[in-house]
Amino acid sequence: MAAVTKVEAGTLPAVKLVAADGAEIIVALFGAHLLSWKTADGKERMFVSRQSALDGSKPIRGGVPVIFPQFNMRGPGPKHGFARNVNWRLGASGGDGGSSFLRFDLSDGDLPADVAASWPHAFALQLRFVLSGDSLEIDYEVRNTGTQEFPFGAALHTYYDVGQLDATSVSGLQGVQYENHHLQTLVQEHPALHFTEKQDRLYQAPESVTLNTADATLRLHQEGFSEWVVWNPGADDARAMNDLADDEYLRFICIEPARVNQQPLAAGATWTGRHKVSA
């Protein structure tokens, strides 16, 4: 049987789900933010900076920030939108012998007055985390509950704990077009992407890629999104971040399923995205 308990992460209220096989996740209500995913062998798969504030004062550096309604600065609102900076509700939890889940909900009625004033649209978000064996699935749903369409972008900005950056690579992207941080459009020539310097790439998404680390292989699959974003800040950018220790860039990479450009969602319509990670 799965066990669900209320815990604290720093000073943030959070929910812990332990599956029957011992796999577990911890999700903060602030941002419906996944802070930890341990597979049944006890290995932590997510990275969270030891310098990140866990008090609701600023976005969390690590885990899985939920991006809505815009990616980065691709929209008129604050960077990466507001969903990662507000409190969600635990909607449901449960499970059987094969899988267990937590569901979190956010709607326009949950927003603080200042955020609601900047986003005058009726909406409902749902995030469902499902543990099943050595896999974690995140189902992301955006519903337009209003009478007029609105534009939105979305992403699951996932930070993986890779242990040793120089022993890490991403395969499955050979021949795929990407845009780098210099806004150049290129095609990846090599079978695997390695990390010897800053990487900030926006790939036109194949459904699946593979993350290879010194001691693990993770298979990443997405549906509904349109891009993969692959990011590591490198040494110089890491030193400029006050919520990341100077050496921590050597421990993680971000590979995120994304819908980077805002696209319209009709009144009454629903968009769904899915991200499954298998160890």
C-alpha atoms as a PDB file:
ATOM      1  CA  MET A   1       0.000   0.000   0.000  1.00  0.00           C
ATOM      2  CA  ALA A   2       1.168   3.538  -0.756  1.00  0.00           C
ATOM      3  CA  ALA A   3       1.598   5.923   2.182  1.00  0.00           C
ATOM      4  CA  VAL A   4       0.901   9.660   1.996  1.00  0.00           C
ATOM      5  CA  THR A   5       2.111  11.974   4.751  1.00  0.00           C
ATOM      6  CA  LYS A   6       2.354  15.716   5.294  1.00  0.00           C
ATOM      7  CA  VAL A   7       5.934  16.898   5.812  1.00  0.00           C
ATOM      8  CA  GLU A   8       7.956  20.116   5.669  1.00  0.00           C
ATOM      9  CA  ALA A   9      10.706  21.040   3.229  1.00  0.00           C
ATOM     10  CA  GLY A  10      12.548  23.920   4.835  1.00  0.00           C
ATOM     11  CA  THR A  11       9.521  25.904   6.020  1.00  0.00           C
ATOM     12  CA  LEU A  12       7.321  24.844   3.093  1.00  0.00           C
ATOM     13  CA  PRO A  13       4.373  22.482   3.586  1.00  0.00           C
ATOM     14  CA  ALA A  14       4.890  19.429   1.431  1.00  0.00           C
ATOM     15  CA  VAL A  15       3.470  15.982   0.746  1.00  0.00           C
ATOM     16  CA  LYS A  16       5.452  12.744   0.751  1.00  0.00           C
ATOM     17  CA  LEU A  17       4.315   9.676  -1.166  1.00  0.00           C
ATOM     18  CA  VAL A  18       5.980   6.323  -0.511  1.00  0.00           C
ATOM     19  CA  ALA A  19       5.033   3.521  -2.907  1.00  0.00           C
ATOM     20  CA  ALA A  20       4.727  -0.112  -1.906  1.00  0.00           C
ATOM     21  CA  ASP A  21       8.181  -0.906  -3.325  1.00  0.00           C
ATOM     22  CA  GLY A  22       9.855   1.924  -1.366  1.00  0.00           C
ATOM     23  CA  ALA A  23      10.104   4.498  -4.165  1.00  0.00           C
ATOM     24  CA  GLU A  24       9.133   7.951  -2.950  1.00  0.00           C
ATOM     25  CA  ILE A  25       8.537  11.557  -3.958  1.00  0.00           C
ATOM     26  CA  ILE A  26       8.235  14.799  -2.001  1.00  0.00           C
ATOM     27  CA  VAL A  27       6.208  17.649  -3.504  1.00  0.00           C
ATOM     28  CA  ALA A  28       5.917  21.128  -1.989  1.00  0.00           C
ATOM     29  CA  LEU A  29       2.534  22.869  -2.183  1.00  0.00           C
ATOM     30  CA  PHE A  30       4.480  25.993  -3.195  1.00  0.00           C
ATOM     31  CA  GLY A  31       4.533  25.634  -6.959  1.00  0.00           C
ATOM     32  CA  ALA A  32       3.431  21.956  -6.808  1.00  0.00           C
ATOM     33  CA  HIS A  33       7.195  21.615  -6.904  1.00  0.00           C
ATOM     34  CA  LEU A  34       8.746  18.141  -6.980  1.00  0.00           C
ATOM     35  CA  LEU A  35      11.714  18.330  -4.622  1.00  0.00           C
ATOM     36  CA  SER A  36      12.761  14.691  -4.445  1.00  0.00           C
ATOM     37  CA  TRP A  37      12.323  11.449  -6.340  1.00  0.00           C
ATOM     38  CA  LYS A  38      13.999   8.348  -4.965  1.00  0.00           C
ATOM     39  CA  THR A  39      13.707   5.088  -6.830  1.00  0.00           C
ATOM     40  CA  ALA A  40      13.156   1.869  -4.869  1.00  0.00           C
ATOM     41  CA  ASP A  41      16.935   1.416  -4.487  1.00  0.00           C
ATOM     42  CA  GLY A  42      17.015   4.627  -2.431  1.00  0.00           C
ATOM     43  CA  LYS A  43      18.903   6.644  -5.038  1.00  0.00           C
ATOM     44  CA  GLU A  44      17.991  10.333  -5.332  1.00  0.00           C
ATOM     45  CA  ARG A  45      17.304  11.301  -8.953  1.00  0.00           C
ATOM     46  CA  MET A  46      16.578  15.022  -8.501  1.00  0.00           C
ATOM     47  CA  PHE A  47      18.969  17.863  -7.753  1.00  0.00           C
ATOM     48  CA  VAL A  48      18.100  20.770  -5.430  1.00  0.00           C
ATOM     49  CA  SER A  49      20.704  23.406  -4.603  1.00  0.00           C
ATOM     50  CA  ARG A  50      21.789  23.572  -0.995  1.00  0.00           C
ATOM     51  CA  GLN A  51      21.578  27.381  -1.326  1.00  0.00           C
ATOM     52  CA  SER A  52      17.999  27.483  -2.572  1.00  0.00           C
ATOM     53  CA  ALA A  53      15.504  29.208  -0.322  1.00  0.00           C
ATOM     54  CA  LEU A  54      12.791  26.799   0.807  1.00  0.00           C
ATOM     55  CA  ASP A  55      10.584  29.423   2.390  1.00  0.00           C
ATOM     56  CA  GLY A  56       8.352  30.674  -0.442  1.00  0.00           C
ATOM     57  CA  SER A  57      10.279  33.926  -0.873  1.00  0.00           C
ATOM     58  CA  LYS A  58      11.597  33.042  -4.328  1.00  0.00           C
ATOM     59  CA  PRO A  59      11.488  30.202  -6.858  1.00  0.00           C
ATOM     60  CA  ILE A  60      13.185  26.949  -5.853  1.00  0.00           C
ATOM     61  CA  ARG A  61      16.474  26.151  -7.601  1.00  0.00           C
ATOM     62  CA  GLY A  62      16.177  22.480  -8.509  1.00  0.00           C
ATOM     63  CA  GLY A  63      13.628  19.693  -8.574  1.00  0.00           C
ATOM     64  CA  VAL A  64      10.868  20.329 -11.119  1.00  0.00           C
ATOM     65  CA  PRO A  65       9.657  23.941 -11.371  1.00  0.00           C
ATOM     66  CA  VAL A  66       6.274  24.107 -13.135  1.00  0.00           C
ATOM     67  CA  ILE A  67       6.269  26.720 -15.894  1.00  0.00           C
ATOM     68  CA  PHE A  68       3.006  28.534 -16.785  1.00  0.00           C
ATOM     69  CA  PRO A  69       1.793  30.690 -18.559  1.00  0.00           C
ATOM     70  CA  GLN A  70       5.058  31.596 -20.265  1.00  0.00           C
ATOM     71  CA  PHE A  71       8.488  30.097 -20.789  1.00  0.00           C
ATOM     72  CA  ASN A  72      11.401  32.315 -19.720  1.00  0.00           C
ATOM     73  CA  MET A  73      10.710  35.800 -21.152  1.00  0.00           C
ATOM     74  CA  ARG A  74       8.584  34.588 -24.087  1.00  0.00           C
ATOM     75  CA  GLY A  75       5.528  36.502 -22.982  1.00  0.00           C
ATOM     76  CA  PRO A  76       4.503  39.735 -21.277  1.00  0.00           C
ATOM     77  CA  GLY A  77       4.569  38.448 -17.704  1.00  0.00           C
ATOM     78  CA  PRO A  78       7.278  37.570 -15.167  1.00  0.00           C
ATOM     79  CA  LYS A  79      10.033  35.128 -16.163  1.00  0.00           C
ATOM     80  CA  HIS A  80       8.676  31.557 -16.355  1.00  0.00           C
ATOM     81  CA  GLY A  81       5.214  32.739 -15.270  1.00  0.00           C
ATOM     82  CA  PHE A  82       3.535  32.530 -11.882  1.00  0.00           C
ATOM     83  CA  ALA A  83       2.646  28.844 -11.354  1.00  0.00           C
ATOM     84  CA  ARG A  84       5.970  28.077  -9.643  1.00  0.00           C
ATOM     85  CA  ASN A  85       5.514  30.961  -7.175  1.00  0.00           C
ATOM     86  CA  VAL A  86       2.043  30.320  -5.748  1.00  0.00           C
ATOM     87  CA  ASN A  87       0.521  27.682  -3.485  1.00  0.00           C
ATOM     88  CA  TRP A  88      -1.339  24.779  -5.079  1.00  0.00           C
ATOM     89  CA  ARG A  89      -3.881  22.440  -3.483  1.00  0.00           C
ATOM     90  CA  LEU A  90      -3.467  18.708  -2.934  1.00  0.00           C
ATOM     91  CA  GLY A  91      -6.396  17.410  -4.958  1.00  0.00           C
ATOM     92  CA  ALA A  92      -6.219  13.645  -4.512  1.00  0.00           C
ATOM     93  CA  SER A  93      -3.900  10.749  -3.785  1.00  0.00           C
ATOM     94  CA  GLY A  94      -4.086   7.002  -3.989  1.00  0.00           C
ATOM     95  CA  GLY A  95      -2.762   3.887  -5.587  1.00  0.00           C
ATOM     96  CA  ASP A  96      -2.918   0.169  -6.004  1.00  0.00           C
ATOM     97  CA  GLY A  97      -0.339  -2.607  -6.236  1.00  0.00           C
ATOM     98  CA  GLY A  98       1.041  -1.313  -9.515  1.00  0.00           C
ATOM     99  CA  SER A  99       1.185   2.467  -9.125  1.00  0.00           C
ATOM    100  CA  SER A 100       0.491   5.341  -6.758  1.00  0.00           C
ATOM    101  CA  PHE A 101      -0.120   9.041  -7.331  1.00  0.00           C
ATOM    102  CA  LEU A 102      -0.455  12.570  -5.997  1.00  0.00           C
ATOM    103  CA  ARG A 103      -2.558  15.195  -7.778  1.00  0.00           C
ATOM    104  CA  PHE A 104      -2.249  18.952  -7.301  1.00  0.00           C
ATOM    105  CA  ASP A 105      -4.657  21.653  -8.528  1.00  0.00           C
ATOM    106  CA  LEU A 106      -4.467  25.380  -9.192  1.00  0.00           C
ATOM    107  CA  SER A 107      -7.134  27.694 -10.584  1.00  0.00           C
ATOM    108  CA  ASP A 108      -7.675  31.418 -10.992  1.00  0.00           C
ATOM    109  CA  GLY A 109      -9.529  31.507  -7.676  1.00  0.00           C
ATOM    110  CA  ASP A 110      -6.367  30.381  -5.874  1.00  0.00           C
ATOM    111  CA  LEU A 111      -4.228  33.281  -7.045  1.00  0.00           C
ATOM    112  CA  PRO A 112      -3.168  36.184  -4.816  1.00  0.00           C
ATOM    113  CA  ALA A 113      -4.798  39.464  -5.833  1.00  0.00           C
ATOM    114  CA  ASP A 114      -1.684  40.913  -7.475  1.00  0.00           C
ATOM    115  CA  VAL A 115      -1.122  37.810  -9.604  1.00  0.00           C
ATOM    116  CA  ALA A 116      -4.809  37.591 -10.539  1.00  0.00           C
ATOM    117  CA  ALA A 117      -4.748  41.214 -11.657  1.00  0.00           C
ATOM    118  CA  SER A 118      -1.871  40.472 -14.048  1.00  0.00           C
ATOM    119  CA  TRP A 119      -3.500  37.338 -15.493  1.00  0.00           C
ATOM    120  CA  PRO A 120      -7.213  38.094 -16.105  1.00  0.00           C
ATOM    121  CA  HIS A 121      -8.155  34.632 -17.388  1.00  0.00           C
ATOM    122  CA  ALA A 122     -10.183  31.779 -15.941  1.00  0.00           C
ATOM    123  CA  PHE A 123      -8.138  28.570 -15.909  1.00  0.00           C
ATOM    124  CA  ALA A 124      -7.547  25.307 -14.098  1.00  0.00           C
ATOM    125  CA  LEU A 125      -4.193  23.515 -13.880  1.00  0.00           C
ATOM    126  CA  GLN A 126      -3.722  19.948 -12.761  1.00  0.00           C
ATOM    127  CA  LEU A 127      -0.464  18.167 -12.093  1.00  0.00           C
ATOM    128  CA  ARG A 128      -0.441  14.425 -11.438  1.00  0.00           C
ATOM    129  CA  PHE A 129       2.681  12.592 -10.236  1.00  0.00           C
ATOM    130  CA  VAL A 130       2.551   8.818 -10.726  1.00  0.00           C
ATOM    131  CA  LEU A 131       5.058   6.339  -9.297  1.00  0.00           C
ATOM    132  CA  SER A 132       5.157   2.960 -10.984  1.00  0.00           C
ATOM    133  CA  GLY A 133       8.163   0.716 -10.445  1.00  0.00           C
ATOM    134  CA  ASP A 134      11.344   2.579 -11.374  1.00  0.00           C
ATOM    135  CA  SER A 135       9.463   5.255 -13.314  1.00  0.00           C
ATOM    136  CA  LEU A 136       7.932   8.620 -12.544  1.00  0.00           C
ATOM    137  CA  GLU A 137       5.254  10.108 -14.766  1.00  0.00           C
ATOM    138  CA  ILE A 138       4.108  13.716 -14.560  1.00  0.00           C
ATOM    139  CA  ASP A 139       0.814  14.523 -16.271  1.00  0.00           C
ATOM    140  CA  TYR A 140       0.234  18.233 -16.823  1.00  0.00           C
ATOM    141  CA  GLU A 141      -3.210  19.582 -17.771  1.00  0.00           C
ATOM    142  CA  VAL A 142      -4.210  23.149 -18.652  1.00  0.00           C
ATOM    143  CA  ARG A 143      -7.924  23.959 -19.014  1.00  0.00           C
ATOM    144  CA  ASN A 144      -9.437  27.211 -20.201  1.00  0.00           C
ATOM    145  CA  THR A 145     -12.521  27.550 -17.997  1.00  0.00           C
ATOM    146  CA  GLY A 146     -13.388  31.009 -19.303  1.00  0.00           C
ATOM    147  CA  THR A 147     -15.280  32.355 -22.302  1.00  0.00           C
ATOM    148  CA  GLN A 148     -12.316  33.746 -24.276  1.00  0.00           C
ATOM    149  CA  GLU A 149      -9.129  32.131 -25.523  1.00  0.00           C
ATOM    150  CA  PHE A 150      -5.810  32.829 -23.830  1.00  0.00           C
ATOM    151  CA  PRO A 151      -2.191  32.231 -24.896  1.00  0.00           C
ATOM    152  CA  PHE A 152       0.138  30.100 -22.807  1.00  0.00           C
ATOM    153  CA  GLY A 153       3.480  28.359 -22.739  1.00  0.00           C
ATOM    154  CA  ALA A 154       4.406  25.522 -20.404  1.00  0.00           C
ATOM    155  CA  ALA A 155       7.353  23.404 -19.273  1.00  0.00           C
ATOM    156  CA  LEU A 156       8.515  21.002 -16.571  1.00  0.00           C
ATOM    157  CA  HIS A 157      11.956  22.430 -15.788  1.00  0.00           C
ATOM    158  CA  THR A 158      13.513  19.193 -14.509  1.00  0.00           C
ATOM    159  CA  TYR A 159      16.893  19.202 -12.699  1.00  0.00           C
ATOM    160  CA  TYR A 160      18.560  15.764 -12.692  1.00  0.00           C
ATOM    161  CA  ASP A 161      21.237  14.856 -10.183  1.00  0.00           C
ATOM    162  CA  VAL A 162      23.987  13.444 -12.407  1.00  0.00           C
ATOM    163  CA  GLY A 163      26.762  13.247  -9.821  1.00  0.00           C
ATOM    164  CA  GLN A 164      29.605  13.969 -12.261  1.00  0.00           C
ATOM    165  CA  LEU A 165      28.934  16.372 -15.131  1.00  0.00           C
ATOM    166  CA  ASP A 166      31.984  15.256 -17.112  1.00  0.00           C
ATOM    167  CA  ALA A 167      30.663  11.681 -17.138  1.00  0.00           C
ATOM    168  CA  THR A 168      27.207  12.735 -18.369  1.00  0.00           C
ATOM    169  CA  SER A 169      25.752  12.720 -21.864  1.00  0.00           C
ATOM    170  CA  VAL A 170      22.390  12.929 -23.615  1.00  0.00           C
ATOM    171  CA  SER A 171      21.698  10.670 -26.581  1.00  0.00           C
ATOM    172  CA  GLY A 172      18.817  10.546 -29.040  1.00  0.00           C
ATOM    173  CA  LEU A 173      19.348  14.042 -30.452  1.00  0.00           C
ATOM    174  CA  GLN A 174      21.614  13.333 -33.428  1.00  0.00           C
ATOM    175  CA  GLY A 175      20.280  15.031 -36.551  1.00  0.00           C
ATOM    176  CA  VAL A 176      17.842  17.166 -34.535  1.00  0.00           C
ATOM    177  CA  GLN A 177      17.655  20.921 -35.123  1.00  0.00           C
ATOM    178  CA  TYR A 178      18.290  23.175 -32.146  1.00  0.00           C
ATOM    179  CA  GLU A 179      18.745  26.807 -31.190  1.00  0.00           C
ATOM    180  CA  ASN A 180      21.685  27.624 -28.913  1.00  0.00           C
ATOM    181  CA  HIS A 181      22.097  30.463 -26.411  1.00  0.00           C
ATOM    182  CA  HIS A 182      23.588  32.634 -29.138  1.00  0.00           C
ATOM    183  CA  LEU A 183      20.262  32.242 -31.013  1.00  0.00           C
ATOM    184  CA  GLN A 184      21.990  30.294 -33.765  1.00  0.00           C
ATOM    185  CA  THR A 185      19.993  27.516 -35.428  1.00  0.00           C
ATOM    186  CA  LEU A 186      22.097  24.383 -35.879  1.00  0.00           C
ATOM    187  CA  VAL A 187      21.745  20.618 -36.266  1.00  0.00           C
ATOM    188  CA  GLN A 188      23.387  18.258 -33.807  1.00  0.00           C
ATOM    189  CA  GLU A 189      25.969  16.163 -35.624  1.00  0.00           C
ATOM    190  CA  HIS A 190      27.247  13.895 -32.861  1.00  0.00           C
ATOM    191  CA  PRO A 191      25.421  10.851 -31.432  1.00  0.00           C
ATOM    192  CA  ALA A 192      25.622  12.258 -27.883  1.00  0.00           C
ATOM    193  CA  LEU A 193      25.713  15.705 -26.285  1.00  0.00           C
ATOM    194  CA  HIS A 194      28.469  16.073 -23.670  1.00  0.00           C
ATOM    195  CA  PHE A 195      28.934  18.838 -21.118  1.00  0.00           C
ATOM    196  CA  THR A 196      32.315  20.545 -21.214  1.00  0.00           C
ATOM    197  CA  GLU A 197      30.996  24.120 -21.142  1.00  0.00           C
ATOM    198  CA  LYS A 198      27.741  26.041 -20.730  1.00  0.00           C
ATOM    199  CA  GLN A 199      24.885  24.436 -22.637  1.00  0.00           C
ATOM    200  CA  ASP A 200      21.554  26.090 -23.312  1.00  0.00           C
ATOM    201  CA  ARG A 201      19.841  24.404 -26.230  1.00  0.00           C
ATOM    202  CA  LEU A 202      16.276  24.327 -27.478  1.00  0.00           C
ATOM    203  CA  TYR A 203      15.667  21.167 -29.512  1.00  0.00           C
ATOM    204  CA  GLN A 204      12.720  20.402 -31.764  1.00  0.00           C
ATOM    205  CA  ALA A 205      11.467  17.460 -29.798  1.00  0.00           C
ATOM    206  CA  PRO A 206      11.833  13.797 -30.594  1.00  0.00           C
ATOM    207  CA  GLU A 207       9.516  11.884 -28.251  1.00  0.00           C
ATOM    208  CA  SER A 208      12.325  10.266 -26.274  1.00  0.00           C
ATOM    209  CA  VAL A 209      15.918  10.950 -25.263  1.00  0.00           C
ATOM    210  CA  THR A 210      18.325   9.132 -22.949  1.00  0.00           C
ATOM    211  CA  LEU A 211      20.299  10.639 -20.091  1.00  0.00           C
ATOM    212  CA  ASN A 212      23.503   8.721 -19.390  1.00  0.00           C
ATOM    213  CA  THR A 213      25.412   9.329 -16.152  1.00  0.00           C
ATOM    214  CA  ALA A 214      28.335   7.611 -14.459  1.00  0.00           C
ATOM    215  CA  ASP A 215      26.066   5.196 -12.617  1.00  0.00           C
ATOM    216  CA  ALA A 216      22.621   5.344 -14.229  1.00  0.00           C
ATOM    217  CA  THR A 217      20.661   5.532 -17.452  1.00  0.00           C
ATOM    218  CA  LEU A 218      17.354   7.410 -17.535  1.00  0.00           C
ATOM    219  CA  ARG A 219      14.923   7.190 -20.420  1.00  0.00           C
ATOM    220  CA  LEU A 220      12.934  10.422 -20.875  1.00  0.00           C
ATOM    221  CA  HIS A 221       9.692  10.423 -22.844  1.00  0.00           C
ATOM    222  CA  GLN A 222       7.285  13.258 -23.576  1.00  0.00           C
ATOM    223  CA  GLU A 223       3.898  13.741 -25.208  1.00  0.00           C
ATOM    224  CA  GLY A 224       2.050  16.985 -25.947  1.00  0.00           C
ATOM    225  CA  PHE A 225       5.084  19.251 -25.639  1.00  0.00           C
ATOM    226  CA  SER A 226       6.976  20.549 -28.667  1.00  0.00           C
ATOM    227  CA  GLU A 227      10.590  20.978 -27.495  1.00  0.00           C
ATOM    228  CA  TRP A 228      13.289  19.654 -25.207  1.00  0.00           C
ATOM    229  CA  VAL A 229      15.342  22.286 -23.409  1.00  0.00           C
ATOM    230  CA  VAL A 230      18.812  21.110 -22.319  1.00  0.00           C
ATOM    231  CA  TRP A 231      20.638  23.422 -19.913  1.00  0.00           C
ATOM    232  CA  ASN A 232      23.643  23.635 -17.659  1.00  0.00           C
ATOM    233  CA  PRO A 233      24.915  27.093 -16.665  1.00  0.00           C
ATOM    234  CA  GLY A 234      28.625  26.347 -16.750  1.00  0.00           C
ATOM    235  CA  ALA A 235      31.138  27.797 -14.296  1.00  0.00           C
ATOM    236  CA  ASP A 236      30.776  31.515 -15.070  1.00  0.00           C
ATOM    237  CA  ASP A 237      26.978  31.670 -14.963  1.00  0.00           C
ATOM    238  CA  ALA A 238      26.897  29.478 -11.842  1.00  0.00           C
ATOM    239  CA  ARG A 239      29.103  31.968  -9.982  1.00  0.00           C
ATOM    240  CA  ALA A 240      26.594  34.723 -10.796  1.00  0.00           C
ATOM    241  CA  MET A 241      23.671  32.843  -9.209  1.00  0.00           C
ATOM    242  CA  ASN A 242      23.089  33.526  -5.525  1.00  0.00           C
ATOM    243  CA  ASP A 243      20.871  30.452  -5.131  1.00  0.00           C
ATOM    244  CA  LEU A 244      23.461  28.037  -6.557  1.00  0.00           C
ATOM    245  CA  ALA A 245      26.826  27.180  -5.012  1.00  0.00           C
ATOM    246  CA  ASP A 246      29.750  27.814  -7.346  1.00  0.00           C
ATOM    247  CA  ASP A 247      30.577  24.120  -7.732  1.00  0.00           C
ATOM    248  CA  GLU A 248      27.022  22.777  -7.964  1.00  0.00           C
ATOM    249  CA  TYR A 249      26.770  23.131 -11.736  1.00  0.00           C
ATOM    250  CA  LEU A 250      28.988  20.032 -11.837  1.00  0.00           C
ATOM    251  CA  ARG A 251      26.200  17.954 -10.271  1.00  0.00           C
ATOM    252  CA  PHE A 252      23.157  18.549 -12.481  1.00  0.00           C
ATOM    253  CA  ILE A 253      21.711  19.118 -15.888  1.00  0.00           C
ATOM    254  CA  CYS A 254      18.227  20.242 -16.826  1.00  0.00           C
ATOM    255  CA  ILE A 255      16.329  18.385 -19.517  1.00  0.00           C
ATOM    256  CA  GLU A 256      12.819  19.733 -19.742  1.00  0.00           C
ATOM    257  CA  PRO A 257       9.822  19.028 -21.932  1.00  0.00           C
ATOM    258  CA  ALA A 258       8.530  22.394 -23.058  1.00  0.00           C
ATOM    259  CA  ARG A 259       6.063  24.349 -25.131  1.00  0.00           C
ATOM    260  CA  VAL A 260       8.252  27.442 -25.323  1.00  0.00           C
ATOM    261  CA  ASN A 261       6.122  29.792 -27.417  1.00  0.00           C
ATOM    262  CA  GLN A 262       2.757  30.951 -26.164  1.00  0.00           C
ATOM    263  CA  GLN A 263      -0.038  29.448 -28.235  1.00  0.00           C
ATOM    264  CA  PRO A 264      -3.780  30.060 -27.918  1.00  0.00           C
ATOM    265  CA  LEU A 265      -6.066  27.785 -25.927  1.00  0.00           C
ATOM    266  CA  ALA A 266      -9.727  28.170 -26.905  1.00  0.00           C
ATOM    267  CA  ALA A 267     -12.491  28.761 -24.361  1.00  0.00           C
ATOM    268  CA  GLY A 268     -13.492  25.423 -22.851  1.00  0.00           C
ATOM    269  CA  ALA A 269     -10.489  23.608 -24.361  1.00  0.00           C
ATOM    270  CA  THR A 270      -7.881  21.468 -22.572  1.00  0.00           C
ATOM    271  CA  TRP A 271      -4.195  20.903 -23.317  1.00  0.00           C
ATOM    272  CA  THR A 272      -2.323  17.965 -21.839  1.00  0.00           C
ATOM    273  CA  GLY A 273       1.370  17.157 -21.643  1.00  0.00           C
ATOM    274  CA  ARG A 274       3.064  14.073 -20.268  1.00  0.00           C
ATOM    275  CA  HIS A 275       6.610  13.455 -19.091  1.00  0.00           C
ATOM    276  CA  LYS A 276       7.748   9.959 -18.103  1.00  0.00           C
ATOM    277  CA  VAL A 277      11.177   9.172 -16.713  1.00  0.00           C
ATOM    278  CA  SER A 278      12.265   5.541 -16.395  1.00  0.00           C
ATOM    279  CA  ALA A 279      15.412   4.479 -14.542  1.00  0.00           C
END
